[in-house]
Amino acid sequence: MKVQEYVAKDILRAEGVRVPKSILILRNSDLQDYVEALKKLGFPQVAKAQVLVGGRMKAGGVLVSKTIEQAISNVSKIMDSEIKGEIPEGVLVEEFVPHESEHYISITIDRSLRDIVFVYSSHGGIDIEEFTKTHPEEVVKTNRVNDLPLEVRAFARRLYDIFVKYDLTLLEINPFVESNGYYYALDAVFHVDDSALYRQWWAGESSVEDSFVVLGGDVGVIGCGAGIVMATIDALTEHGFKPANFCDIGGGATADTLYSALTKVQKITNKAVLNIFGGITDCLEIAKGVTEFKSKNPSFEIYIRLSGNNEVIAKKLLEESGIVSTNDMKELIESVDRRVKGVRRDVVRE
């Protein structure tokens, strides 16, 4: 199963791989709602069609913008286009990451070797296929990470861990670049093993706005991206908690979206962990949904990490309603740990 770029990058980001800052604009969105967010992203920026076919750039699915007027025009143009016969699910608008050279790396399964193999080239970008044909000696194919150049081994190992964890059959980063001493994945292609979809809930066919899977535990989980939700579930599990569900409210979630998600969680447990982090999400909308739900369900426990657009105003609204928010996932999980395990200890004492 092929995965959209924005989902793959959510996972990369959650697993510690640097990707450009971005805004996801879904089809049928009012572009005027994104003007301020696009300005904040800065220029130049890159608008990329979210389709499941390769060769987007040559097909007009990747456009660079230098002004807000050009950005709106480019997003609209991509939305109205067919890229190799496919209608874009949306447009991912990313900051431009300055770099001097582009590199290529992929991980796949070699059936003849019965092993996972890396393919690496110091030359990446849209002409990689032609380059590999004319310069095969410049391409490294190996099942040993130590055969790769020393400077990319740590990056390759992290990608390998992601490949295994998410049951991928292909992980391709073309290109990845170096900027300020760090590697950034400018593009990402993920293929998930169809036979493993039963355990990779994030790769289901639910829409980005309505992805909910019951897991059977007692701590609800809501996040704004499949990768963030997965990372939160993993962190809770590592601390001895049993997640009750997987719920990805996607980018651009409204107060109603969040309220609906909390209502679903309430049907299976009395507490929820919300991990809301940056990008397109308006934190004020999230805060409105949380406060409205909490006012009608005062006994429901909410633990929230909030970071992104309108963060300061949103946190103030939560504080006025007696809801404490945290700044990062570590603080978020620790707050759940203190509260829930503290209550358990009190029950034991009694």
Protein backbone atom coordinates (compact mmCIF):
# COMPACT_ATOMS: atom_id res chain seq x y z
CA MET A 1 0.00 0.00 0.00
CA LYS A 2 1.35 3.40 -1.00
CA VAL A 3 1.32 6.22 1.55
CA GLN A 4 0.91 9.94 0.88
CA GLU A 5 4.00 12.08 1.41
CA TYR A 6 2.49 14.12 4.23
CA VAL A 7 1.75 10.94 6.21
CA ALA A 8 5.26 9.60 5.61
CA LYS A 9 6.73 12.88 6.81
CA ASP A 10 4.55 12.85 9.92
CA ILE A 11 6.15 9.52 10.77
CA LEU A 12 9.68 10.69 9.93
CA ARG A 13 9.21 13.77 12.12
CA ALA A 14 7.82 11.72 15.01
CA GLU A 15 10.78 9.34 14.74
CA GLY A 16 13.38 12.11 14.90
CA VAL A 17 14.15 12.62 11.20
CA ARG A 18 14.24 16.29 10.18
CA VAL A 19 11.77 17.35 7.51
CA PRO A 20 10.87 20.85 6.28
CA LYS A 21 8.25 22.84 8.18
CA SER A 22 5.01 22.53 6.29
CA ILE A 23 1.31 23.28 5.91
CA LEU A 24 -1.13 20.72 4.52
CA ILE A 25 -4.00 22.16 2.48
CA LEU A 26 -6.69 19.60 1.67
CA ARG A 27 -9.00 19.67 -1.35
CA ASN A 28 -12.04 21.97 -1.19
CA SER A 29 -10.37 24.16 1.45
CA ASP A 30 -10.79 27.93 1.37
CA LEU A 31 -7.28 29.11 0.49
CA GLN A 32 -7.88 32.47 2.16
CA ASP A 33 -7.93 30.65 5.49
CA TYR A 34 -4.26 29.79 4.95
CA VAL A 35 -2.86 33.17 3.93
CA GLU A 36 -1.41 34.05 7.34
CA ALA A 37 0.01 30.56 7.87
CA LEU A 38 1.67 30.64 4.43
CA LYS A 39 3.19 34.05 5.18
CA LYS A 40 4.52 32.75 8.48
CA LEU A 41 6.12 29.79 6.69
CA GLY A 42 8.32 32.25 4.81
CA PHE A 43 9.60 32.45 1.25
CA PRO A 44 10.64 30.86 -0.95
CA GLN A 45 8.39 27.87 -0.34
CA VAL A 46 7.53 24.74 -2.28
CA ALA A 47 3.99 23.56 -3.11
CA LYS A 48 3.75 19.81 -3.72
CA ALA A 49 0.80 17.81 -5.05
CA GLN A 50 -0.19 14.97 -2.73
CA VAL A 51 -0.53 12.11 -5.19
CA LEU A 52 0.64 8.51 -5.18
CA VAL A 53 2.55 8.65 -8.46
CA GLY A 54 6.19 9.49 -9.12
CA GLY A 55 7.58 12.20 -11.36
CA ARG A 56 5.45 14.99 -9.89
CA MET A 57 7.89 17.78 -10.64
CA LYS A 58 8.16 17.03 -14.36
CA ALA A 59 4.35 16.75 -14.48
CA GLY A 60 3.84 20.20 -12.92
CA GLY A 61 3.00 18.94 -9.45
CA VAL A 62 5.82 20.75 -7.64
CA LEU A 63 5.99 24.55 -7.83
CA VAL A 64 8.18 27.13 -6.08
CA SER A 65 6.63 30.35 -4.73
CA LYS A 66 8.44 33.56 -3.84
CA THR A 67 5.44 35.71 -2.80
CA ILE A 68 2.10 35.10 -1.07
CA GLU A 69 0.27 35.89 -4.30
CA GLN A 70 2.33 33.29 -6.15
CA ALA A 71 1.81 30.79 -3.33
CA ILE A 72 -2.00 31.05 -3.51
CA SER A 73 -1.86 30.83 -7.30
CA ASN A 74 0.40 27.76 -7.26
CA VAL A 75 -1.69 25.90 -4.69
CA SER A 76 -4.85 26.64 -6.68
CA LYS A 77 -3.18 25.55 -9.91
CA ILE A 78 -2.06 22.22 -8.43
CA MET A 79 -5.50 21.57 -6.89
CA ASP A 80 -7.11 22.06 -10.31
CA SER A 81 -4.63 19.79 -12.09
CA GLU A 82 -4.38 16.08 -12.74
CA ILE A 83 -0.91 14.73 -12.09
CA LYS A 84 -0.37 11.75 -14.39
CA GLY A 85 -4.09 11.09 -14.27
CA GLU A 86 -4.41 11.42 -10.49
CA ILE A 87 -6.33 14.19 -8.71
CA PRO A 88 -4.34 15.53 -5.73
CA GLU A 89 -5.68 14.76 -2.26
CA GLY A 90 -4.24 18.11 -1.25
CA VAL A 91 -1.13 20.26 -1.43
CA LEU A 92 1.77 20.13 1.01
CA VAL A 93 3.43 23.56 1.21
CA GLU A 94 6.94 23.43 2.67
CA GLU A 95 9.64 25.85 3.63
CA PHE A 96 12.59 25.89 1.27
CA VAL A 97 15.62 24.28 2.92
CA PRO A 98 18.84 25.83 1.51
CA HIS A 99 21.38 23.26 0.37
CA GLU A 100 24.28 22.78 -2.00
CA SER A 101 23.82 19.15 -3.04
CA GLU A 102 21.18 16.42 -3.05
CA HIS A 103 21.57 12.77 -2.07
CA TYR A 104 19.50 9.62 -2.52
CA ILE A 105 18.77 6.73 -0.19
CA SER A 106 16.23 3.96 -0.21
CA ILE A 107 15.54 0.80 1.76
CA THR A 108 13.70 -2.16 0.31
CA ILE A 109 13.54 -5.94 0.45
CA ASP A 110 15.68 -7.92 -1.96
CA ARG A 111 13.86 -11.20 -2.52
CA SER A 112 16.90 -12.86 -4.05
CA LEU A 113 19.02 -12.05 -0.98
CA ARG A 114 16.11 -12.53 1.39
CA ASP A 115 17.27 -9.45 3.21
CA ILE A 116 16.71 -5.72 3.62
CA VAL A 117 19.00 -3.66 1.41
CA PHE A 118 20.09 -0.04 1.16
CA VAL A 119 20.57 1.83 -2.10
CA TYR A 120 22.60 5.03 -1.75
CA SER A 121 23.91 7.66 -4.13
CA SER A 122 25.68 10.94 -3.43
CA HIS A 123 23.64 12.29 -6.36
CA GLY A 124 19.87 12.62 -5.87
CA GLY A 125 16.90 14.53 -7.24
CA ILE A 126 14.60 14.22 -10.23
CA ASP A 127 17.29 12.76 -12.51
CA ILE A 128 18.28 9.91 -10.21
CA GLU A 129 17.04 7.17 -12.55
CA GLU A 130 19.09 8.49 -15.46
CA PHE A 131 22.11 8.99 -13.20
CA THR A 132 22.05 5.38 -11.98
CA LYS A 133 22.03 4.16 -15.57
CA THR A 134 24.95 6.33 -16.72
CA HIS A 135 26.98 6.15 -13.49
CA PRO A 136 26.27 2.74 -11.92
CA GLU A 137 29.65 2.84 -10.17
CA GLU A 138 28.39 5.79 -8.10
CA VAL A 139 25.54 3.77 -6.60
CA VAL A 140 25.98 1.62 -3.48
CA LYS A 141 23.65 -1.34 -2.98
CA THR A 142 24.25 -3.29 0.20
CA ASN A 143 22.62 -5.09 3.11
CA ARG A 144 25.25 -3.73 5.50
CA VAL A 145 24.94 -0.20 6.83
CA ASN A 146 28.70 -0.09 7.39
CA ASP A 147 29.22 -0.26 3.62
CA LEU A 148 27.66 3.19 3.35
CA PRO A 149 29.72 6.39 3.72
CA LEU A 150 30.51 7.05 7.38
CA GLU A 151 28.72 10.41 7.41
CA VAL A 152 25.33 8.90 6.44
CA ARG A 153 25.36 5.76 8.58
CA ALA A 154 23.52 7.21 11.57
CA PHE A 155 20.87 8.64 9.25
CA ALA A 156 20.58 5.28 7.47
CA ARG A 157 20.23 3.37 10.76
CA ARG A 158 17.35 5.61 11.84
CA LEU A 159 15.61 5.03 8.53
CA TYR A 160 16.17 1.29 8.89
CA ASP A 161 14.46 1.31 12.29
CA ILE A 162 11.47 3.13 10.76
CA PHE A 163 11.38 0.66 7.86
CA VAL A 164 11.10 -2.27 10.27
CA LYS A 165 8.79 -0.63 12.82
CA TYR A 166 6.20 0.42 10.25
CA ASP A 167 6.30 -2.79 8.17
CA LEU A 168 7.45 -1.03 5.02
CA THR A 169 8.43 -2.68 1.76
CA LEU A 170 9.91 0.56 0.41
CA LEU A 171 11.29 3.64 2.12
CA GLU A 172 12.75 6.16 -0.32
CA ILE A 173 14.15 9.60 0.47
CA ASN A 174 14.88 11.48 -2.72
CA PRO A 175 16.43 13.79 -2.09
CA PHE A 176 17.87 14.23 1.35
CA VAL A 177 20.12 17.24 1.88
CA GLU A 178 22.48 18.67 4.45
CA SER A 179 21.67 22.07 5.96
CA ASN A 180 23.38 23.62 8.99
CA GLY A 181 25.01 20.30 9.82
CA TYR A 182 21.81 18.23 9.76
CA TYR A 183 20.20 15.95 7.17
CA TYR A 184 16.70 16.84 5.99
CA ALA A 185 14.33 14.54 4.09
CA LEU A 186 12.88 16.75 1.34
CA ASP A 187 10.71 13.98 -0.07
CA ALA A 188 9.49 10.65 1.25
CA VAL A 189 7.96 7.57 -0.35
CA PHE A 190 6.57 4.80 1.86
CA HIS A 191 5.03 1.51 0.76
CA VAL A 192 3.46 -0.56 3.54
CA ASP A 193 3.31 -4.35 3.41
CA ASP A 194 -0.36 -5.16 2.72
CA SER A 195 -0.17 -8.24 4.90
CA ALA A 196 0.81 -6.06 7.89
CA LEU A 197 -2.01 -3.52 7.63
CA TYR A 198 -3.87 -5.22 10.48
CA ARG A 199 -1.24 -3.88 12.90
CA GLN A 200 -0.42 -0.63 11.13
CA TRP A 201 -3.70 1.15 11.93
CA TRP A 202 -2.40 4.54 10.74
CA ALA A 203 -2.26 3.19 7.17
CA GLY A 204 -5.96 2.36 7.03
CA GLU A 205 -8.28 3.89 4.47
CA SER A 206 -10.04 6.28 6.86
CA SER A 207 -9.87 9.93 5.87
CA VAL A 208 -7.38 12.23 7.55
CA GLU A 209 -10.22 13.92 9.43
CA ASP A 210 -11.77 10.70 10.73
CA SER A 211 -9.25 8.02 11.65
CA PHE A 212 -10.30 6.13 14.77
CA VAL A 213 -9.32 2.60 15.82
CA VAL A 214 -10.22 0.97 19.16
CA LEU A 215 -7.24 -0.74 20.82
CA GLY A 216 -8.77 -2.00 24.06
CA GLY A 217 -6.81 -0.09 26.72
CA ASP A 218 -7.86 2.62 29.16
CA VAL A 219 -6.03 5.80 28.02
CA GLY A 220 -7.47 7.57 24.98
CA VAL A 221 -5.05 9.01 22.40
CA ILE A 222 -5.75 11.88 19.99
CA GLY A 223 -3.19 13.61 17.76
CA CYS A 224 -2.84 15.69 14.60
CA GLY A 225 -0.88 13.30 12.41
CA ALA A 226 -0.44 9.55 12.15
CA GLY A 227 3.21 9.72 13.19
CA ILE A 228 2.48 11.85 16.25
CA VAL A 229 -0.32 9.50 17.32
CA MET A 230 1.91 6.45 16.87
CA ALA A 231 4.73 8.07 18.84
CA THR A 232 2.32 8.94 21.66
CA ILE A 233 0.97 5.39 21.78
CA ASP A 234 4.52 4.05 21.93
CA ALA A 235 5.48 6.46 24.74
CA LEU A 236 2.41 5.56 26.80
CA THR A 237 3.09 1.86 26.32
CA GLU A 238 6.71 2.28 27.42
CA HIS A 239 5.42 3.89 30.66
CA GLY A 240 3.13 0.96 31.39
CA PHE A 241 -0.15 2.37 30.07
CA LYS A 242 -2.53 0.61 27.68
CA PRO A 243 -3.80 2.94 24.91
CA ALA A 244 -7.55 2.76 24.36
CA ASN A 245 -7.54 3.92 20.76
CA PHE A 246 -5.76 5.46 17.79
CA CYS A 247 -7.30 8.77 16.66
CA ASP A 248 -5.75 11.05 14.05
CA ILE A 249 -7.75 14.29 13.64
CA GLY A 250 -5.41 15.40 10.86
CA GLY A 251 -4.22 18.87 9.92
CA GLY A 252 -6.59 21.83 10.11
CA ALA A 253 -8.83 20.25 12.74
CA THR A 254 -11.68 22.47 13.99
CA ALA A 255 -13.24 22.73 17.43
CA ASP A 256 -16.06 20.48 16.19
CA THR A 257 -13.55 17.89 14.95
CA LEU A 258 -11.86 17.76 18.32
CA TYR A 259 -15.18 17.67 20.21
CA SER A 260 -16.32 14.75 18.05
CA ALA A 261 -13.05 12.89 18.67
CA LEU A 262 -13.35 13.33 22.44
CA THR A 263 -16.95 12.10 22.29
CA LYS A 264 -15.78 8.90 20.59
CA VAL A 265 -13.04 8.39 23.17
CA GLN A 266 -15.48 8.97 26.02
CA LYS A 267 -17.48 5.93 24.88
CA ILE A 268 -14.55 3.63 25.71
CA THR A 269 -12.64 5.36 28.56
CA ASN A 270 -12.71 8.30 30.98
CA LYS A 271 -9.38 9.91 30.08
CA ALA A 272 -7.55 11.09 26.96
CA VAL A 273 -4.07 12.25 26.00
CA LEU A 274 -4.00 14.93 23.29
CA ASN A 275 -0.75 15.52 21.41
CA ILE A 276 -1.23 18.58 19.20
CA PHE A 277 1.90 19.78 17.47
CA GLY A 278 2.37 22.64 14.99
CA GLY A 279 1.88 22.78 11.27
CA ILE A 280 -1.52 23.64 9.89
CA THR A 281 -3.42 23.06 13.15
CA ASP A 282 -4.90 26.12 14.85
CA CYS A 283 -4.33 25.58 18.57
CA LEU A 284 -7.15 27.98 19.41
CA GLU A 285 -9.64 25.73 17.62
CA ILE A 286 -8.33 22.78 19.61
CA ALA A 287 -8.64 24.72 22.88
CA LYS A 288 -12.22 25.72 22.07
CA GLY A 289 -13.13 22.10 21.42
CA VAL A 290 -11.45 20.95 24.64
CA THR A 291 -13.03 23.60 26.86
CA GLU A 292 -16.51 23.03 25.42
CA PHE A 293 -16.23 19.28 25.92
CA LYS A 294 -14.79 19.64 29.43
CA SER A 295 -17.57 22.04 30.48
CA LYS A 296 -20.14 19.38 29.61
CA ASN A 297 -18.09 16.45 30.90
CA PRO A 298 -16.22 17.75 33.98
CA SER A 299 -15.19 14.29 35.25
CA PHE A 300 -13.44 13.36 32.00
CA GLU A 301 -9.65 13.63 32.38
CA ILE A 302 -7.76 15.51 29.64
CA TYR A 303 -3.97 15.68 29.31
CA ILE A 304 -2.81 17.94 26.51
CA ARG A 305 0.41 18.99 24.81
CA LEU A 306 -0.21 22.07 22.67
CA SER A 307 2.29 23.64 20.29
CA GLY A 308 1.72 25.62 17.09
CA ASN A 309 -0.39 28.42 15.62
CA ASN A 310 -2.10 30.65 18.24
CA GLU A 311 -0.47 28.59 20.98
CA VAL A 312 -0.27 31.42 23.55
CA ILE A 313 -3.93 32.41 23.20
CA ALA A 314 -5.03 28.78 23.24
CA LYS A 315 -3.09 27.98 26.42
CA LYS A 316 -4.61 31.02 28.11
CA LEU A 317 -8.11 29.81 27.22
CA LEU A 318 -7.32 26.36 28.62
CA GLU A 319 -5.85 27.87 31.79
CA GLU A 320 -8.98 29.95 32.35
CA SER A 321 -10.94 26.70 32.26
CA GLY A 322 -8.59 25.01 34.73
CA ILE A 323 -6.88 22.82 32.12
CA VAL A 324 -3.10 22.57 32.28
CA SER A 325 -1.18 22.06 29.02
CA THR A 326 2.42 20.97 28.49
CA ASN A 327 5.07 22.05 25.98
CA ASP A 328 6.43 18.72 24.74
CA MET A 329 5.64 15.01 24.67
CA LYS A 330 7.99 14.18 27.55
CA GLU A 331 6.12 16.57 29.87
CA LEU A 332 2.81 15.25 28.55
CA ILE A 333 3.54 11.62 29.38
CA GLU A 334 5.03 12.59 32.75
CA SER A 335 1.83 14.48 33.63
CA VAL A 336 -0.25 11.38 32.89
CA ASP A 337 2.20 9.24 34.86
CA ARG A 338 2.00 11.47 37.95
CA ARG A 339 -1.76 11.77 37.92
CA VAL A 340 -2.86 8.25 37.01
CA LYS A 341 -0.24 6.31 38.96
CA GLY A 342 -0.66 8.70 41.88
CA VAL A 343 -4.36 7.89 42.00
CA ARG A 344 -3.58 4.16 41.83
CA ARG A 345 -1.21 4.47 44.80
CA ASP A 346 -3.88 6.33 46.81
CA VAL A 347 -6.37 3.55 46.09
CA VAL A 348 -3.87 0.95 47.29
CA ARG A 349 -3.25 2.87 50.54
CA GLU A 350 -6.96 2.97 51.27
